[in-house]
Amino acid sequence: DHQALADCLRLYGAMQADNGFVRWVSPSLFPFD
């Protein structure tokens, strides 16, 4: 399922904190530590 992984990994990259921490993301697309 490579396309699913590409989309998901890009989502985490887009929501990465400015300091570099890879955050979780809520269903409403709100990132949090």
PDB file of all heavy atoms in Angstrom:
ATOM      1  N   ASP A   1       0.832  -1.207   0.000  1.00  0.00           N
ATOM      2  CA  ASP A   1       0.000   0.000   0.000  1.00  0.00           C
ATOM      3  C   ASP A   1       0.869   1.259   0.000  1.00  0.00           C
ATOM      4  O   ASP A   1       0.836   2.068   0.927  1.00  0.00           O
ATOM      5  CB  ASP A   1      -0.930  -0.002   1.220  1.00  0.00           C
ATOM      6  CG  ASP A   1      -2.126  -0.903   1.021  1.00  0.00           C
ATOM      7  OD1 ASP A   1      -2.680  -0.920  -0.087  1.00  0.00           O
ATOM      8  OD2 ASP A   1      -2.510  -1.587   1.988  1.00  0.00           O
ATOM      9  N   HIS A   2       1.626   1.448  -1.041  1.00  0.00           N
ATOM     10  CA  HIS A   2       2.631   2.512  -1.052  1.00  0.00           C
ATOM     11  C   HIS A   2       2.029   3.903  -1.195  1.00  0.00           C
ATOM     12  O   HIS A   2       2.533   4.856  -0.600  1.00  0.00           O
ATOM     13  CB  HIS A   2       3.635   2.243  -2.167  1.00  0.00           C
ATOM     14  CG  HIS A   2       4.242   0.880  -2.100  1.00  0.00           C
ATOM     15  ND1 HIS A   2       4.837   0.387  -0.954  1.00  0.00           N
ATOM     16  CD2 HIS A   2       4.317  -0.122  -3.015  1.00  0.00           C
ATOM     17  CE1 HIS A   2       5.269  -0.842  -1.168  1.00  0.00           C
ATOM     18  NE2 HIS A   2       4.961  -1.172  -2.405  1.00  0.00           N
ATOM     19  N   GLN A   3       0.965   4.049  -1.956  1.00  0.00           N
ATOM     20  CA  GLN A   3       0.374   5.377  -2.091  1.00  0.00           C
ATOM     21  C   GLN A   3      -0.218   5.852  -0.776  1.00  0.00           C
ATOM     22  O   GLN A   3      -0.111   7.025  -0.416  1.00  0.00           O
ATOM     23  CB  GLN A   3      -0.707   5.385  -3.180  1.00  0.00           C
ATOM     24  CG  GLN A   3      -1.237   6.776  -3.498  1.00  0.00           C
ATOM     25  CD  GLN A   3      -0.137   7.729  -3.928  1.00  0.00           C
ATOM     26  OE1 GLN A   3       0.624   7.432  -4.847  1.00  0.00           O
ATOM     27  NE2 GLN A   3      -0.026   8.882  -3.269  1.00  0.00           N
ATOM     28  N   ALA A   4      -0.839   4.935  -0.046  1.00  0.00           N
ATOM     29  CA  ALA A   4      -1.368   5.288   1.272  1.00  0.00           C
ATOM     30  C   ALA A   4      -0.252   5.769   2.186  1.00  0.00           C
ATOM     31  O   ALA A   4      -0.415   6.729   2.950  1.00  0.00           O
ATOM     32  CB  ALA A   4      -2.094   4.088   1.886  1.00  0.00           C
ATOM     33  N   LEU A   5       0.914   5.095   2.128  1.00  0.00           N
ATOM     34  CA  LEU A   5       2.045   5.506   2.960  1.00  0.00           C
ATOM     35  C   LEU A   5       2.601   6.841   2.511  1.00  0.00           C
ATOM     36  O   LEU A   5       2.967   7.680   3.341  1.00  0.00           O
ATOM     37  CB  LEU A   5       3.132   4.437   2.917  1.00  0.00           C
ATOM     38  CG  LEU A   5       3.135   3.424   4.062  1.00  0.00           C
ATOM     39  CD1 LEU A   5       3.480   4.122   5.374  1.00  0.00           C
ATOM     40  CD2 LEU A   5       1.798   2.717   4.189  1.00  0.00           C
ATOM     41  N   ALA A   6       2.676   7.062   1.208  1.00  0.00           N
ATOM     42  CA  ALA A   6       3.189   8.343   0.716  1.00  0.00           C
ATOM     43  C   ALA A   6       2.326   9.487   1.220  1.00  0.00           C
ATOM     44  O   ALA A   6       2.838  10.510   1.698  1.00  0.00           O
ATOM     45  CB  ALA A   6       3.235   8.334  -0.811  1.00  0.00           C
ATOM     46  N   ASP A   7       1.011   9.327   1.133  1.00  0.00           N
ATOM     47  CA  ASP A   7       0.101  10.374   1.594  1.00  0.00           C
ATOM     48  C   ASP A   7       0.271  10.621   3.091  1.00  0.00           C
ATOM     49  O   ASP A   7       0.309  11.772   3.547  1.00  0.00           O
ATOM     50  CB  ASP A   7      -1.342   9.990   1.289  1.00  0.00           C
ATOM     51  CG  ASP A   7      -1.632   9.911  -0.204  1.00  0.00           C
ATOM     52  OD1 ASP A   7      -0.838  10.461  -0.987  1.00  0.00           O
ATOM     53  OD2 ASP A   7      -2.652   9.295  -0.573  1.00  0.00           O
ATOM     54  N   CYS A   8       0.352   9.529   3.859  1.00  0.00           N
ATOM     55  CA  CYS A   8       0.424   9.656   5.314  1.00  0.00           C
ATOM     56  C   CYS A   8       1.746  10.281   5.747  1.00  0.00           C
ATOM     57  O   CYS A   8       1.772  11.162   6.616  1.00  0.00           O
ATOM     58  CB  CYS A   8       0.247   8.281   5.958  1.00  0.00           C
ATOM     59  SG  CYS A   8      -0.008   8.344   7.754  1.00  0.00           S
ATOM     60  N   LEU A   9       2.851   9.861   5.156  1.00  0.00           N
ATOM     61  CA  LEU A   9       4.145  10.427   5.523  1.00  0.00           C
ATOM     62  C   LEU A   9       4.243  11.893   5.131  1.00  0.00           C
ATOM     63  O   LEU A   9       4.852  12.700   5.839  1.00  0.00           O
ATOM     64  CB  LEU A   9       5.264   9.615   4.875  1.00  0.00           C
ATOM     65  CG  LEU A   9       5.424   8.183   5.418  1.00  0.00           C
ATOM     66  CD1 LEU A   9       6.399   7.393   4.547  1.00  0.00           C
ATOM     67  CD2 LEU A   9       5.870   8.184   6.869  1.00  0.00           C
ATOM     68  N   ARG A  10       3.632  12.264   4.012  1.00  0.00           N
ATOM     69  CA  ARG A  10       3.595  13.682   3.637  1.00  0.00           C
ATOM     70  C   ARG A  10       2.747  14.488   4.624  1.00  0.00           C
ATOM     71  O   ARG A  10       3.067  15.633   4.946  1.00  0.00           O
ATOM     72  CB  ARG A  10       3.031  13.833   2.222  1.00  0.00           C
ATOM     73  CG  ARG A  10       3.994  13.430   1.116  1.00  0.00           C
ATOM     74  CD  ARG A  10       3.383  13.697  -0.252  1.00  0.00           C
ATOM     75  NE  ARG A  10       4.232  13.257  -1.344  1.00  0.00           N
ATOM     76  CZ  ARG A  10       5.230  13.962  -1.873  1.00  0.00           C
ATOM     77  NH1 ARG A  10       5.530  15.161  -1.368  1.00  0.00           N
ATOM     78  NH2 ARG A  10       5.945  13.491  -2.880  1.00  0.00           N
ATOM     79  N   LEU A  11       1.663  13.888   5.127  1.00  0.00           N
ATOM     80  CA  LEU A  11       0.828  14.562   6.116  1.00  0.00           C
ATOM     81  C   LEU A  11       1.647  14.894   7.362  1.00  0.00           C
ATOM     82  O   LEU A  11       1.612  16.014   7.870  1.00  0.00           O
ATOM     83  CB  LEU A  11      -0.374  13.694   6.478  1.00  0.00           C
ATOM     84  CG  LEU A  11      -1.211  14.173   7.665  1.00  0.00           C
ATOM     85  CD1 LEU A  11      -1.885  15.505   7.379  1.00  0.00           C
ATOM     86  CD2 LEU A  11      -2.233  13.123   8.057  1.00  0.00           C
ATOM     87  N   TYR A  12       2.401  13.906   7.864  1.00  0.00           N
ATOM     88  CA  TYR A  12       3.238  14.163   9.032  1.00  0.00           C
ATOM     89  C   TYR A  12       4.278  15.229   8.740  1.00  0.00           C
ATOM     90  O   TYR A  12       4.591  16.074   9.593  1.00  0.00           O
ATOM     91  CB  TYR A  12       3.925  12.875   9.480  1.00  0.00           C
ATOM     92  CG  TYR A  12       3.025  11.932  10.245  1.00  0.00           C
ATOM     93  CD1 TYR A  12       2.568  10.748   9.672  1.00  0.00           C
ATOM     94  CD2 TYR A  12       2.641  12.226  11.542  1.00  0.00           C
ATOM     95  CE1 TYR A  12       1.749   9.879  10.372  1.00  0.00           C
ATOM     96  CE2 TYR A  12       1.827  11.369  12.258  1.00  0.00           C
ATOM     97  CZ  TYR A  12       1.387  10.194  11.657  1.00  0.00           C
ATOM     98  OH  TYR A  12       0.566   9.346  12.359  1.00  0.00           O
ATOM     99  N   GLY A  13       4.844  15.202   7.534  1.00  0.00           N
ATOM    100  CA  GLY A  13       5.818  16.215   7.171  1.00  0.00           C
ATOM    101  C   GLY A  13       5.215  17.610   7.135  1.00  0.00           C
ATOM    102  O   GLY A  13       5.823  18.584   7.592  1.00  0.00           O
ATOM    103  N   ALA A  14       3.992  17.696   6.614  1.00  0.00           N
ATOM    104  CA  ALA A  14       3.323  18.995   6.540  1.00  0.00           C
ATOM    105  C   ALA A  14       2.986  19.530   7.925  1.00  0.00           C
ATOM    106  O   ALA A  14       2.951  20.754   8.137  1.00  0.00           O
ATOM    107  CB  ALA A  14       2.059  18.881   5.695  1.00  0.00           C
ATOM    108  N   MET A  15       2.725  18.636   8.871  1.00  0.00           N
ATOM    109  CA  MET A  15       2.328  19.026  10.214  1.00  0.00           C
ATOM    110  C   MET A  15       3.498  19.054  11.196  1.00  0.00           C
ATOM    111  O   MET A  15       3.311  19.246  12.393  1.00  0.00           O
ATOM    112  CB  MET A  15       1.245  18.077  10.729  1.00  0.00           C
ATOM    113  CG  MET A  15      -0.032  18.117   9.926  1.00  0.00           C
ATOM    114  SD  MET A  15      -0.830  19.748  10.009  1.00  0.00           S
ATOM    115  CE  MET A  15      -2.303  19.449   9.018  1.00  0.00           C
ATOM    116  N   GLN A  16       4.716  18.860  10.704  1.00  0.00           N
ATOM    117  CA  GLN A  16       5.895  18.883  11.568  1.00  0.00           C
ATOM    118  C   GLN A  16       6.039  20.234  12.261  1.00  0.00           C
ATOM    119  O   GLN A  16       5.804  21.286  11.666  1.00  0.00           O
ATOM    120  CB  GLN A  16       7.138  18.595  10.718  1.00  0.00           C
ATOM    121  CG  GLN A  16       8.425  18.461  11.485  1.00  0.00           C
ATOM    122  CD  GLN A  16       9.594  18.168  10.554  1.00  0.00           C
ATOM    123  OE1 GLN A  16       9.577  18.525   9.377  1.00  0.00           O
ATOM    124  NE2 GLN A  16      10.622  17.511  11.069  1.00  0.00           N
ATOM    125  N   ALA A  17       6.409  20.203  13.528  1.00  0.00           N
ATOM    126  CA  ALA A  17       6.611  21.448  14.268  1.00  0.00           C
ATOM    127  C   ALA A  17       7.814  22.199  13.715  1.00  0.00           C
ATOM    128  O   ALA A  17       8.718  21.606  13.121  1.00  0.00           O
ATOM    129  CB  ALA A  17       6.815  21.149  15.751  1.00  0.00           C
ATOM    130  N   ASP A  18       7.841  23.497  13.945  1.00  0.00           N
ATOM    131  CA  ASP A  18       8.950  24.309  13.457  1.00  0.00           C
ATOM    132  C   ASP A  18      10.292  23.851  14.019  1.00  0.00           C
ATOM    133  O   ASP A  18      11.331  24.001  13.381  1.00  0.00           O
ATOM    134  CB  ASP A  18       8.718  25.783  13.815  1.00  0.00           C
ATOM    135  CG  ASP A  18       7.565  26.400  13.021  1.00  0.00           C
ATOM    136  OD1 ASP A  18       7.210  25.835  11.956  1.00  0.00           O
ATOM    137  OD2 ASP A  18       7.032  27.425  13.477  1.00  0.00           O
ATOM    138  N   ASN A  19      10.263  23.274  15.216  1.00  0.00           N
ATOM    139  CA  ASN A  19      11.515  22.827  15.831  1.00  0.00           C
ATOM    140  C   ASN A  19      11.968  21.461  15.326  1.00  0.00           C
ATOM    141  O   ASN A  19      13.029  20.968  15.713  1.00  0.00           O
ATOM    142  CB  ASN A  19      11.405  22.822  17.355  1.00  0.00           C
ATOM    143  CG  ASN A  19      10.362  21.839  17.868  1.00  0.00           C
ATOM    144  OD1 ASN A  19       9.798  21.044  17.121  1.00  0.00           O
ATOM    145  ND2 ASN A  19      10.095  21.904  19.176  1.00  0.00           N
ATOM    146  N   GLY A  20      11.131  20.806  14.497  1.00  0.00           N
ATOM    147  CA  GLY A  20      11.500  19.530  13.912  1.00  0.00           C
ATOM    148  C   GLY A  20      10.758  18.334  14.460  1.00  0.00           C
ATOM    149  O   GLY A  20      10.809  17.246  13.880  1.00  0.00           O
ATOM    150  N   PHE A  21      10.052  18.474  15.592  1.00  0.00           N
ATOM    151  CA  PHE A  21       9.326  17.363  16.202  1.00  0.00           C
ATOM    152  C   PHE A  21       8.187  16.910  15.284  1.00  0.00           C
ATOM    153  O   PHE A  21       7.431  17.733  14.755  1.00  0.00           O
ATOM    154  CB  PHE A  21       8.770  17.794  17.557  1.00  0.00           C
ATOM    155  CG  PHE A  21       8.035  16.706  18.296  1.00  0.00           C
ATOM    156  CD1 PHE A  21       8.735  15.687  18.913  1.00  0.00           C
ATOM    157  CD2 PHE A  21       6.655  16.709  18.375  1.00  0.00           C
ATOM    158  CE1 PHE A  21       8.063  14.691  19.610  1.00  0.00           C
ATOM    159  CE2 PHE A  21       5.972  15.723  19.069  1.00  0.00           C
ATOM    160  CZ  PHE A  21       6.685  14.709  19.689  1.00  0.00           C
ATOM    161  N   VAL A  22       8.066  15.594  15.097  1.00  0.00           N
ATOM    162  CA  VAL A  22       6.991  15.042  14.278  1.00  0.00           C
ATOM    163  C   VAL A  22       5.789  14.792  15.182  1.00  0.00           C
ATOM    164  O   VAL A  22       5.827  13.941  16.079  1.00  0.00           O
ATOM    165  CB  VAL A  22       7.439  13.748  13.566  1.00  0.00           C
ATOM    166  CG1 VAL A  22       6.275  13.121  12.821  1.00  0.00           C
ATOM    167  CG2 VAL A  22       8.575  14.056  12.597  1.00  0.00           C
ATOM    168  N   ARG A  23       4.734  15.540  14.938  1.00  0.00           N
ATOM    169  CA  ARG A  23       3.587  15.573  15.843  1.00  0.00           C
ATOM    170  C   ARG A  23       2.495  14.598  15.408  1.00  0.00           C
ATOM    171  O   ARG A  23       2.501  14.073  14.308  1.00  0.00           O
ATOM    172  CB  ARG A  23       3.026  17.001  15.895  1.00  0.00           C
ATOM    173  CG  ARG A  23       4.042  18.001  16.408  1.00  0.00           C
ATOM    174  CD  ARG A  23       3.494  19.412  16.483  1.00  0.00           C
ATOM    175  NE  ARG A  23       3.297  20.014  15.160  1.00  0.00           N
ATOM    176  CZ  ARG A  23       2.954  21.280  14.975  1.00  0.00           C
ATOM    177  NH1 ARG A  23       2.768  22.073  16.017  1.00  0.00           N
ATOM    178  NH2 ARG A  23       2.810  21.771  13.768  1.00  0.00           N
ATOM    179  N   TRP A  24       1.569  14.366  16.318  1.00  0.00           N
ATOM    180  CA  TRP A  24       0.330  13.691  15.982  1.00  0.00           C
ATOM    181  C   TRP A  24      -0.632  14.715  15.371  1.00  0.00           C
ATOM    182  O   TRP A  24      -0.449  15.930  15.525  1.00  0.00           O
ATOM    183  CB  TRP A  24      -0.309  13.091  17.226  1.00  0.00           C
ATOM    184  CG  TRP A  24       0.408  11.893  17.767  1.00  0.00           C
ATOM    185  CD1 TRP A  24       1.652  11.456  17.430  1.00  0.00           C
ATOM    186  CD2 TRP A  24      -0.096  10.991  18.745  1.00  0.00           C
ATOM    187  NE1 TRP A  24       1.965  10.338  18.144  1.00  0.00           N
ATOM    188  CE2 TRP A  24       0.912  10.019  18.951  1.00  0.00           C
ATOM    189  CE3 TRP A  24      -1.282  10.894  19.464  1.00  0.00           C
ATOM    190  CZ2 TRP A  24       0.754   8.967  19.858  1.00  0.00           C
ATOM    191  CZ3 TRP A  24      -1.441   9.857  20.363  1.00  0.00           C
ATOM    192  CH2 TRP A  24      -0.434   8.903  20.553  1.00  0.00           C
ATOM    193  N   VAL A  25      -1.671  14.210  14.711  1.00  0.00           N
ATOM    194  CA  VAL A  25      -2.603  15.092  14.021  1.00  0.00           C
ATOM    195  C   VAL A  25      -4.028  14.625  14.324  1.00  0.00           C
ATOM    196  O   VAL A  25      -4.343  13.440  14.202  1.00  0.00           O
ATOM    197  CB  VAL A  25      -2.365  15.086  12.493  1.00  0.00           C
ATOM    198  CG1 VAL A  25      -3.251  16.126  11.811  1.00  0.00           C
ATOM    199  CG2 VAL A  25      -0.895  15.335  12.171  1.00  0.00           C
ATOM    200  N   SER A  26      -4.878  15.565  14.698  1.00  0.00           N
ATOM    201  CA  SER A  26      -6.271  15.239  15.001  1.00  0.00           C
ATOM    202  C   SER A  26      -7.063  15.060  13.711  1.00  0.00           C
ATOM    203  O   SER A  26      -6.620  15.464  12.624  1.00  0.00           O
ATOM    204  CB  SER A  26      -6.895  16.364  15.824  1.00  0.00           C
ATOM    205  OG  SER A  26      -7.111  17.501  15.002  1.00  0.00           O
ATOM    206  N   PRO A  27      -8.275  14.470  13.789  1.00  0.00           N
ATOM    207  CA  PRO A  27      -9.116  14.356  12.593  1.00  0.00           C
ATOM    208  C   PRO A  27      -9.455  15.706  11.965  1.00  0.00           C
ATOM    209  O   PRO A  27      -9.730  15.778  10.762  1.00  0.00           O
ATOM    210  CB  PRO A  27     -10.374  13.651  13.113  1.00  0.00           C
ATOM    211  CG  PRO A  27      -9.920  12.904  14.319  1.00  0.00           C
ATOM    212  CD  PRO A  27      -8.864  13.772  14.949  1.00  0.00           C
ATOM    213  N   SER A  28      -9.435  16.766  12.771  1.00  0.00           N
ATOM    214  CA  SER A  28      -9.691  18.106  12.236  1.00  0.00           C
ATOM    215  C   SER A  28      -8.420  18.760  11.696  1.00  0.00           C
ATOM    216  O   SER A  28      -8.410  19.952  11.399  1.00  0.00           O
ATOM    217  CB  SER A  28     -10.304  18.998  13.318  1.00  0.00           C
ATOM    218  OG  SER A  28      -9.415  19.121  14.418  1.00  0.00           O
ATOM    219  N   LEU A  29      -7.340  17.942  11.583  1.00  0.00           N
ATOM    220  CA  LEU A  29      -6.050  18.394  11.054  1.00  0.00           C
ATOM    221  C   LEU A  29      -5.409  19.459  11.937  1.00  0.00           C
ATOM    222  O   LEU A  29      -4.821  20.426  11.459  1.00  0.00           O
ATOM    223  CB  LEU A  29      -6.186  18.896   9.610  1.00  0.00           C
ATOM    224  CG  LEU A  29      -6.695  17.860   8.601  1.00  0.00           C
ATOM    225  CD1 LEU A  29      -6.683  18.428   7.196  1.00  0.00           C
ATOM    226  CD2 LEU A  29      -5.859  16.580   8.666  1.00  0.00           C
ATOM    227  N   PHE A  30      -5.509  19.235  13.247  1.00  0.00           N
ATOM    228  CA  PHE A  30      -4.808  20.071  14.220  1.00  0.00           C
ATOM    229  C   PHE A  30      -3.635  19.272  14.773  1.00  0.00           C
ATOM    230  O   PHE A  30      -3.835  18.226  15.409  1.00  0.00           O
ATOM    231  CB  PHE A  30      -5.742  20.478  15.358  1.00  0.00           C
ATOM    232  CG  PHE A  30      -5.054  21.285  16.424  1.00  0.00           C
ATOM    233  CD1 PHE A  30      -4.837  22.648  16.250  1.00  0.00           C
ATOM    234  CD2 PHE A  30      -4.597  20.682  17.591  1.00  0.00           C
ATOM    235  CE1 PHE A  30      -4.188  23.388  17.220  1.00  0.00           C
ATOM    236  CE2 PHE A  30      -3.953  21.420  18.568  1.00  0.00           C
ATOM    237  CZ  PHE A  30      -3.748  22.783  18.380  1.00  0.00           C
ATOM    238  N   PRO A  31      -2.389  19.703  14.550  1.00  0.00           N
ATOM    239  CA  PRO A  31      -1.237  18.953  15.061  1.00  0.00           C
ATOM    240  C   PRO A  31      -1.003  19.234  16.537  1.00  0.00           C
ATOM    241  O   PRO A  31      -1.204  20.351  17.007  1.00  0.00           O
ATOM    242  CB  PRO A  31      -0.083  19.476  14.197  1.00  0.00           C
ATOM    243  CG  PRO A  31      -0.489  20.863  13.830  1.00  0.00           C
ATOM    244  CD  PRO A  31      -1.988  20.859  13.726  1.00  0.00           C
ATOM    245  N   PHE A  32      -0.552  18.203  17.260  1.00  0.00           N
ATOM    246  CA  PHE A  32      -0.277  18.385  18.683  1.00  0.00           C
ATOM    247  C   PHE A  32       0.867  17.461  19.096  1.00  0.00           C
ATOM    248  O   PHE A  32       1.122  16.433  18.474  1.00  0.00           O
ATOM    249  CB  PHE A  32      -1.529  18.124  19.530  1.00  0.00           C
ATOM    250  CG  PHE A  32      -2.108  16.746  19.372  1.00  0.00           C
ATOM    251  CD1 PHE A  32      -1.840  15.746  20.301  1.00  0.00           C
ATOM    252  CD2 PHE A  32      -2.948  16.439  18.305  1.00  0.00           C
ATOM    253  CE1 PHE A  32      -2.378  14.472  20.167  1.00  0.00           C
ATOM    254  CE2 PHE A  32      -3.496  15.164  18.170  1.00  0.00           C
ATOM    255  CZ  PHE A  32      -3.207  14.178  19.097  1.00  0.00           C
ATOM    256  N   ASP A  33       1.563  17.850  20.157  1.00  0.00           N
ATOM    257  CA  ASP A  33       2.698  17.065  20.647  1.00  0.00           C
ATOM    258  C   ASP A  33       2.192  15.903  21.490  1.00  0.00           C
ATOM    259  O   ASP A  33       1.332  16.074  22.363  1.00  0.00           O
ATOM    260  CB  ASP A  33       3.623  17.937  21.499  1.00  0.00           C
ATOM    261  CG  ASP A  33       4.361  18.988  20.671  1.00  0.00           C
ATOM    262  OD1 ASP A  33       4.146  19.016  19.442  1.00  0.00           O
ATOM    263  OD2 ASP A  33       5.129  19.773  21.252  1.00  0.00           O
TER     264      ASP A  33
END
